[in-house]
Every structure is written in C-alpha cells, then in structure tokens.
Amino acid sequence: YRPLVLESRDVLGGKVAAWKDEDGDWYETGLHIFFGAYPNMLQLFEDLGIEDRLQWKKHGMTFAMPGAGVFSRFEFPDIPGPFNGLVGILRNNDMLSLSDKLQFGLALVPAILQGQSYVEECDNMTISEWLKKRGAPPSIEREIFIAMAKALAFVDPDKVSA
C-alpha cells in the first residue's frame, strides 16, 4: 500500500500536532478527552486490553468566568443524551438566563425527537449556522459554544460541523 496524506494546514497531524512558532515557543495539540459515546475508541481500548485503566470522570464542563478564580460548572446527570445536556443547562444559573435556557432547549427539540438522523442532516452546516437556524440566542454561542469548539476542535464554532 502507498498512503496519501492530506493536510489543509502547514502543520501535519490534524488534531494531534506539535510545532515551534516564530518566537521559539512550542505548541502542542492532541486528543485530550474522549467521550463514552466513541464506540471505536472504546473498542480499541478493549482490543488493547487496557479498558480497565480508564478513569471516567463525572460528566461536566467548567467555564472560567470574568474575574479571577470565578468558575461556572455544568453538571450532566447519568442519563442518555441529549436529555443529560438539557438537565445540565437547566441546572446552571451562572451563565444563562431562564429565557436563554428555554430558547436553547427549544432549539434542541429536533435532535431529541429525531435522534442520530437529525444529527447527520446537520453535518452540512456549522455550529454557528445551526444555532442561528434554530433560533438559539447569541449568548449560547458566545458563552458556551466558542469555548467548547476551541477546547474540542481548536477553532471557533463557525468552522466546526454541527
């Protein structure tokens, strides 16, 4: 076999890469988390015989708020998604108003009712486009999805598939 490597950036590696900038500082990116919903990754760990070494953490997200040492946390209960996300959003009172929560909850209704087929239909638009299309308030993107997209994909939500 002769592999063909395709890379859109000037640094090889996609999400896993290391490079030195103009100032001589090293940058490293990589898969720093994965979720239990990644069946191929879980199968790989099982095939390697290391699934017993996984250290599952409580499902949640912590956001640094304006002001030193101020954090807001979203706690997701151990129930199927996207219901766990709805509960996590409703429980958080630091970042979103009740109106924002309700608007975002309504935006999620098609995903709840249609499941994976709806998720796959949304693959042709960005998170930003999806949020606007579904009528989610701008605060949802500004307060939550910018940080999430940068943490998970290293780019803004207008560059990540919904």
C-alpha atoms as a PDB file:
ATOM      1  CA  TYR A   1       0.000   0.000   0.000  1.00  0.00           C
ATOM      2  CA  ARG A   2       1.056   3.587  -0.574  1.00  0.00           C
ATOM      3  CA  PRO A   3      -0.698   6.017   1.792  1.00  0.00           C
ATOM      4  CA  LEU A   4      -1.701   9.511   0.686  1.00  0.00           C
ATOM      5  CA  VAL A   5      -1.558  12.128   3.452  1.00  0.00           C
ATOM      6  CA  LEU A   6      -3.858  15.112   3.037  1.00  0.00           C
ATOM      7  CA  GLU A   7      -3.467  18.109   5.344  1.00  0.00           C
ATOM      8  CA  SER A   8      -5.077  21.526   4.949  1.00  0.00           C
ATOM      9  CA  ARG A   9      -2.725  23.293   7.358  1.00  0.00           C
ATOM     10  CA  ASP A  10       1.018  23.841   7.127  1.00  0.00           C
ATOM     11  CA  VAL A  11       1.419  21.565  10.181  1.00  0.00           C
ATOM     12  CA  LEU A  12       0.888  17.827   9.800  1.00  0.00           C
ATOM     13  CA  GLY A  13      -1.261  15.999  12.281  1.00  0.00           C
ATOM     14  CA  GLY A  14      -4.781  17.407  12.315  1.00  0.00           C
ATOM     15  CA  LYS A  15      -5.834  17.479  15.961  1.00  0.00           C
ATOM     16  CA  VAL A  16      -2.565  15.897  17.056  1.00  0.00           C
ATOM     17  CA  ALA A  17       0.390  18.107  16.210  1.00  0.00           C
ATOM     18  CA  ALA A  18       3.398  19.880  17.685  1.00  0.00           C
ATOM     19  CA  TRP A  19       5.279  22.823  16.228  1.00  0.00           C
ATOM     20  CA  LYS A  20       7.509  25.731  17.171  1.00  0.00           C
ATOM     21  CA  ASP A  21       6.321  29.285  16.455  1.00  0.00           C
ATOM     22  CA  GLU A  22       8.378  32.270  15.291  1.00  0.00           C
ATOM     23  CA  ASP A  23       9.329  33.091  18.901  1.00  0.00           C
ATOM     24  CA  GLY A  24      10.606  29.564  19.554  1.00  0.00           C
ATOM     25  CA  ASP A  25       7.646  28.555  21.752  1.00  0.00           C
ATOM     26  CA  TRP A  26       6.302  25.020  21.348  1.00  0.00           C
ATOM     27  CA  TYR A  27       2.623  24.410  20.674  1.00  0.00           C
ATOM     28  CA  GLU A  28       1.053  21.010  21.102  1.00  0.00           C
ATOM     29  CA  THR A  29      -2.454  19.886  20.333  1.00  0.00           C
ATOM     30  CA  GLY A  30      -3.989  16.488  20.730  1.00  0.00           C
ATOM     31  CA  LEU A  31      -6.962  14.459  21.742  1.00  0.00           C
ATOM     32  CA  HIS A  32      -7.074  15.358  25.401  1.00  0.00           C
ATOM     33  CA  ILE A  33     -10.501  13.949  26.143  1.00  0.00           C
ATOM     34  CA  PHE A  34     -12.911  11.456  24.666  1.00  0.00           C
ATOM     35  CA  PHE A  35     -16.453  10.571  25.477  1.00  0.00           C
ATOM     36  CA  GLY A  36     -18.137   7.275  26.236  1.00  0.00           C
ATOM     37  CA  ALA A  37     -20.113   7.696  23.017  1.00  0.00           C
ATOM     38  CA  TYR A  38     -16.990   6.951  20.920  1.00  0.00           C
ATOM     39  CA  PRO A  39     -17.546   3.220  20.249  1.00  0.00           C
ATOM     40  CA  ASN A  40     -14.457   2.823  18.031  1.00  0.00           C
ATOM     41  CA  MET A  41     -12.191   4.300  20.687  1.00  0.00           C
ATOM     42  CA  LEU A  42     -13.720   2.091  23.366  1.00  0.00           C
ATOM     43  CA  GLN A  43     -13.292  -0.945  21.107  1.00  0.00           C
ATOM     44  CA  LEU A  44      -9.629  -0.037  20.564  1.00  0.00           C
ATOM     45  CA  PHE A  45      -9.047   0.127  24.325  1.00  0.00           C
ATOM     46  CA  GLU A  46     -10.744  -3.253  24.700  1.00  0.00           C
ATOM     47  CA  ASP A  47      -8.658  -4.739  21.860  1.00  0.00           C
ATOM     48  CA  LEU A  48      -5.515  -3.461  23.556  1.00  0.00           C
ATOM     49  CA  GLY A  49      -6.648  -4.896  26.888  1.00  0.00           C
ATOM     50  CA  ILE A  50      -6.469  -1.527  28.660  1.00  0.00           C
ATOM     51  CA  GLU A  51     -10.156  -0.652  29.127  1.00  0.00           C
ATOM     52  CA  ASP A  52      -9.780  -1.344  32.862  1.00  0.00           C
ATOM     53  CA  ARG A  53      -7.292   1.527  33.082  1.00  0.00           C
ATOM     54  CA  LEU A  54      -9.777   4.195  32.026  1.00  0.00           C
ATOM     55  CA  GLN A  55     -10.533   6.762  34.681  1.00  0.00           C
ATOM     56  CA  TRP A  56     -14.020   8.003  33.969  1.00  0.00           C
ATOM     57  CA  LYS A  57     -14.698  11.473  35.265  1.00  0.00           C
ATOM     58  CA  LYS A  58     -18.014  12.939  36.244  1.00  0.00           C
ATOM     59  CA  HIS A  59     -19.605  14.362  33.101  1.00  0.00           C
ATOM     60  CA  GLY A  60     -19.470  18.123  33.305  1.00  0.00           C
ATOM     61  CA  MET A  61     -17.965  21.287  31.902  1.00  0.00           C
ATOM     62  CA  THR A  62     -16.278  24.067  33.840  1.00  0.00           C
ATOM     63  CA  PHE A  63     -16.088  27.584  32.427  1.00  0.00           C
ATOM     64  CA  ALA A  64     -13.834  30.360  33.686  1.00  0.00           C
ATOM     65  CA  MET A  65     -15.976  33.433  34.224  1.00  0.00           C
ATOM     66  CA  PRO A  66     -14.845  37.053  34.132  1.00  0.00           C
ATOM     67  CA  GLY A  67     -12.983  37.761  37.349  1.00  0.00           C
ATOM     68  CA  ALA A  68     -10.097  35.880  38.863  1.00  0.00           C
ATOM     69  CA  GLY A  69     -10.987  32.491  40.305  1.00  0.00           C
ATOM     70  CA  VAL A  70     -14.660  32.586  39.298  1.00  0.00           C
ATOM     71  CA  PHE A  71     -15.947  29.407  37.645  1.00  0.00           C
ATOM     72  CA  SER A  72     -19.286  28.108  36.455  1.00  0.00           C
ATOM     73  CA  ARG A  73     -19.991  24.400  36.084  1.00  0.00           C
ATOM     74  CA  PHE A  74     -22.450  22.401  34.032  1.00  0.00           C
ATOM     75  CA  GLU A  75     -23.152  19.025  35.667  1.00  0.00           C
ATOM     76  CA  PHE A  76     -24.642  16.369  33.404  1.00  0.00           C
ATOM     77  CA  PRO A  77     -26.556  13.520  35.077  1.00  0.00           C
ATOM     78  CA  ASP A  78     -26.014   9.920  34.040  1.00  0.00           C
ATOM     79  CA  ILE A  79     -28.996   9.749  31.683  1.00  0.00           C
ATOM     80  CA  PRO A  80     -28.998   9.444  27.871  1.00  0.00           C
ATOM     81  CA  GLY A  81     -28.135  12.459  25.736  1.00  0.00           C
ATOM     82  CA  PRO A  82     -29.379  14.890  24.773  1.00  0.00           C
ATOM     83  CA  PHE A  83     -31.532  14.794  27.915  1.00  0.00           C
ATOM     84  CA  ASN A  84     -28.445  14.986  30.124  1.00  0.00           C
ATOM     85  CA  GLY A  85     -27.451  18.181  28.298  1.00  0.00           C
ATOM     86  CA  LEU A  86     -30.861  19.718  28.870  1.00  0.00           C
ATOM     87  CA  VAL A  87     -30.678  18.967  32.582  1.00  0.00           C
ATOM     88  CA  GLY A  88     -27.129  20.345  32.767  1.00  0.00           C
ATOM     89  CA  ILE A  89     -28.177  23.572  31.079  1.00  0.00           C
ATOM     90  CA  LEU A  90     -31.271  23.979  33.238  1.00  0.00           C
ATOM     91  CA  ARG A  91     -29.270  23.458  36.447  1.00  0.00           C
ATOM     92  CA  ASN A  92     -26.674  26.130  35.626  1.00  0.00           C
ATOM     93  CA  ASN A  93     -27.708  29.559  36.888  1.00  0.00           C
ATOM     94  CA  ASP A  94     -24.432  31.441  36.447  1.00  0.00           C
ATOM     95  CA  MET A  95     -24.150  31.837  32.690  1.00  0.00           C
ATOM     96  CA  LEU A  96     -27.592  31.757  31.100  1.00  0.00           C
ATOM     97  CA  SER A  97     -30.881  33.430  31.829  1.00  0.00           C
ATOM     98  CA  LEU A  98     -34.090  31.411  32.042  1.00  0.00           C
ATOM     99  CA  SER A  99     -35.084  32.826  28.645  1.00  0.00           C
ATOM    100  CA  ASP A 100     -31.773  31.695  27.096  1.00  0.00           C
ATOM    101  CA  LYS A 101     -32.219  28.231  28.565  1.00  0.00           C
ATOM    102  CA  LEU A 102     -35.754  27.884  27.204  1.00  0.00           C
ATOM    103  CA  GLN A 103     -34.767  29.120  23.726  1.00  0.00           C
ATOM    104  CA  PHE A 104     -31.825  26.723  23.591  1.00  0.00           C
ATOM    105  CA  GLY A 105     -33.995  23.865  24.856  1.00  0.00           C
ATOM    106  CA  LEU A 106     -36.460  24.531  22.024  1.00  0.00           C
ATOM    107  CA  ALA A 107     -33.555  24.553  19.547  1.00  0.00           C
ATOM    108  CA  LEU A 108     -32.679  21.017  20.698  1.00  0.00           C
ATOM    109  CA  VAL A 109     -36.184  19.579  20.168  1.00  0.00           C
ATOM    110  CA  PRO A 110     -35.463  18.151  16.659  1.00  0.00           C
ATOM    111  CA  ALA A 111     -32.340  16.384  17.949  1.00  0.00           C
ATOM    112  CA  ILE A 112     -34.352  14.911  20.807  1.00  0.00           C
ATOM    113  CA  LEU A 113     -37.206  13.740  18.585  1.00  0.00           C
ATOM    114  CA  GLN A 114     -35.249  12.621  15.507  1.00  0.00           C
ATOM    115  CA  GLY A 115     -32.012  11.407  17.072  1.00  0.00           C
ATOM    116  CA  GLN A 116     -28.992  10.435  15.013  1.00  0.00           C
ATOM    117  CA  SER A 117     -30.673  11.017  11.643  1.00  0.00           C
ATOM    118  CA  TYR A 118     -31.151  14.681  12.558  1.00  0.00           C
ATOM    119  CA  VAL A 119     -27.542  14.975  13.749  1.00  0.00           C
ATOM    120  CA  GLU A 120     -26.338  13.592  10.414  1.00  0.00           C
ATOM    121  CA  GLU A 121     -28.585  16.015   8.497  1.00  0.00           C
ATOM    122  CA  CYS A 122     -26.905  18.902  10.315  1.00  0.00           C
ATOM    123  CA  ASP A 123     -23.424  17.825   9.239  1.00  0.00           C
ATOM    124  CA  ASN A 124     -23.538  20.211   6.271  1.00  0.00           C
ATOM    125  CA  MET A 125     -23.719  23.319   8.468  1.00  0.00           C
ATOM    126  CA  THR A 126     -21.539  24.790  11.170  1.00  0.00           C
ATOM    127  CA  ILE A 127     -22.471  25.041  14.826  1.00  0.00           C
ATOM    128  CA  SER A 128     -22.912  28.804  14.357  1.00  0.00           C
ATOM    129  CA  GLU A 129     -25.245  28.284  11.401  1.00  0.00           C
ATOM    130  CA  TRP A 130     -27.229  25.654  13.306  1.00  0.00           C
ATOM    131  CA  LEU A 131     -27.642  27.892  16.355  1.00  0.00           C
ATOM    132  CA  LYS A 132     -28.928  30.763  14.190  1.00  0.00           C
ATOM    133  CA  LYS A 133     -31.217  28.493  12.159  1.00  0.00           C
ATOM    134  CA  ARG A 134     -32.765  27.043  15.319  1.00  0.00           C
ATOM    135  CA  GLY A 135     -33.264  30.479  16.913  1.00  0.00           C
ATOM    136  CA  ALA A 136     -30.842  29.964  19.805  1.00  0.00           C
ATOM    137  CA  PRO A 137     -29.920  33.259  21.465  1.00  0.00           C
ATOM    138  CA  PRO A 138     -26.448  34.695  20.652  1.00  0.00           C
ATOM    139  CA  SER A 139     -25.449  34.236  24.308  1.00  0.00           C
ATOM    140  CA  ILE A 140     -25.447  30.443  23.821  1.00  0.00           C
ATOM    141  CA  GLU A 141     -22.739  30.685  21.175  1.00  0.00           C
ATOM    142  CA  ARG A 142     -20.843  33.444  22.969  1.00  0.00           C
ATOM    143  CA  GLU A 143     -20.941  31.946  26.465  1.00  0.00           C
ATOM    144  CA  ILE A 144     -20.783  28.223  25.715  1.00  0.00           C
ATOM    145  CA  PHE A 145     -20.005  27.138  22.170  1.00  0.00           C
ATOM    146  CA  ILE A 146     -16.970  29.316  21.500  1.00  0.00           C
ATOM    147  CA  ALA A 147     -15.208  27.769  24.489  1.00  0.00           C
ATOM    148  CA  MET A 148     -16.420  24.248  23.658  1.00  0.00           C
ATOM    149  CA  ALA A 149     -15.387  24.430  19.995  1.00  0.00           C
ATOM    150  CA  LYS A 150     -11.952  25.765  20.865  1.00  0.00           C
ATOM    151  CA  ALA A 151     -11.463  23.126  23.555  1.00  0.00           C
ATOM    152  CA  LEU A 152     -12.552  20.223  21.357  1.00  0.00           C
ATOM    153  CA  ALA A 153     -11.580  21.283  17.825  1.00  0.00           C
ATOM    154  CA  PHE A 154      -9.195  24.236  18.379  1.00  0.00           C
ATOM    155  CA  VAL A 155     -11.337  26.539  16.181  1.00  0.00           C
ATOM    156  CA  ASP A 156     -14.403  28.761  16.503  1.00  0.00           C
ATOM    157  CA  PRO A 157     -17.925  27.314  16.154  1.00  0.00           C
ATOM    158  CA  ASP A 158     -18.284  28.879  12.699  1.00  0.00           C
ATOM    159  CA  LYS A 159     -15.702  26.359  11.492  1.00  0.00           C
ATOM    160  CA  VAL A 160     -16.999  23.190  13.203  1.00  0.00           C
ATOM    161  CA  SER A 161     -19.674  20.929  11.760  1.00  0.00           C
ATOM    162  CA  ALA A 162     -22.904  20.881  13.748  1.00  0.00           C
END
